[in-house]
Amino acid sequence: MEATGFDAWVLTLAVFLPLVGALIMMVVPKAYELEVKLIGLGSSLAALAVGIYILFQFDYGSSSELQFVVDKGWIDIINSRYIIGLDGLSLPLLLLSLLVVPLCLVYSWNHVPSPGNPKAFFILLLILSTGMNGSFISQDMILFFVFFEIVLLPMYFLIGVWGGEERRYASLKFFLYTLFGSALMIISFLALFFLSKDAAGNPLQTFDMRLLTDAAGSGIVKTTQVWIFAGLFIGFGIKVPMFPFHTWLPDAHTQAPTVGSVILAAVLLKLGTYGFIRIAIPFLPEAAVAWAPWIGLLAVIGIIYGALGCLAQKDMKRLIAFSSVAHMGFVMLGIATLTDFGLNAAVFGMVAHGLITGMLFFVAGSIKERYHTLEISRLGGLLKSVPRMGWILGFATMASLGLPGLAGFWGEFPAILSAYNPGAGLSEELFRTYMVIAAIGTVLAAGYLLWLYQRTAFGEPTEEFADHAIPDVSRNEWIAWVPFLIGIVLFGVWPNLIFNLTDGVVSSITANVEAVVAGR
């Protein structure tokens, strides 16, 4: 049912208020630095306020149904419409995106990285926000693709202009990888447009994601489904990123400015996993079953490879980047099971990873700003030199290794457990093997994270920094970090806050997969 009154505008406001702020900032002279920053922060906080309104107006008893729906004409010549809506799957990810951007702006308030220029830096973050927010509410494939691609250019410039010494290489690698994946993704979208049919066998020729979900690949033979799914698999898999498409991520994370790494980890990687659950599996259920064993295989390879990669790293930020490859492997393993349990665990894992790894990158950025290095061997004694930051780093590492009572546990443990009983037509023996391999990955995670923390936080400060007075956590850092810390504890203690939201949506997805597979 289409929304009316103010509710018909709330999702549009949540998406485009940051863009409005960016446009206003463009006409404000660069010399008015404070005004520019206030406009940027104000527009992102206004979007967050709309998100809070949505949180209170959302009908949690009908979380499996789209709410705040808007369906208007857009590009009639290709039958693409401006269709947006929100359900229990997209709500937590939209709120995460709305929260992260203003916190990144607060963090960057007094230290925009070299070469400075807060105006351009804040504008790019706001454009990035629009792309991320829009991706999670789009219900038209072309609209989704536009928002999905909007995030590419701002992140390219954030890395290429404000990144580290190898920023040009990292930004180009990020751009080319994701552009290649997007090209295959749009080809798959076009194939779905031309080949999908309704229950009566009539061509749909629509980009409406609601109709394509209902069609569930009707009229497309299994072999063709498998090939179309391959395009989506590569497009979304690069964004996750899955092994072996992951190689752009360590370079991008290592070279990106702090808030670029935070946004990349907290939100951008989730566009890929969200695409699997929202588009690839519901649209092509037969192909999803055919691809699931391979997705599971690559997921567990990523878990082990990422963990071993962490153990080999000398740079703190690069270690955290490789940990993302491992943690997103758990998310993809949950998705590969095609079960309610697995998909719920995957969505929870997205949110948990966003909060925890985002927090780790925040701390890494602050350490880099103070010590001018992230080389693990040069750091040490953080608990003595900057005790508050040392304890926060310890808290985040414990959450990342899956300590019970913190959010990371509910992102990993259910994903591993879901592989014990995989869904529709999948081999139990194979997925139970995956379960054992993934469980070994948690042991390796404890190893590399505790090794990192021991080397950086314990003992005495290294001789290089022993006589330096290093400032501890600043006011702006507290403001930016406290919501992350609260979220990690809140969702760790009360995981049903997310599970109750997502369960209805993922149940309908898996039920549709089972029905289609059984019926054909």
Foldseek 3Di string as FASTA:
>chain_A
DADDDCLLCLLVLLQCLLVVLLVVLVPDDLVPPVVNLCSLLVSLVVSLVSLVVCVVVPDLVPQQDWPSWDWADDPVVQQFTATWTHHLLLSVQLNLLSQLLSLLSLLCVPPQAPPDRVSLLSSLSSQLSNLLSQLSTGQFQVSNLVSLCSNLVSLLCQQLHRWDPCSPVLSVLSNVQLVVLSVLLVVLLVCLLQQQDAPVRHRPNGRGLVRLLNSQQPRPDLVRLLSSLVSLCSNLCLQLPFPPNLVSQLSSQRTGALSSNLCSFQGRSVSSLSCCLSPSCSNHLSNLLVCLLVLLVRLLVQLVVLLVVLVPDQFQRSSLRSLSSNLSSLLSLLSSLLDLLSPLLNSLSSNLRSLLSSQSSLLLNLCCVQVVGRGLQQAEACCPQAVVSLVSLVVSLCLSLQPQLWSNVSNHVSSLVSLCRGDDPDDNVSSPVSSVSSVVSSVSSCVSSVVSSHSHHDDARDPVCNPPRTDYQDPSNCVSNVVSVVNGNVCSNVVCVSSSRCSSNSVVSSVSSNVVSVVD
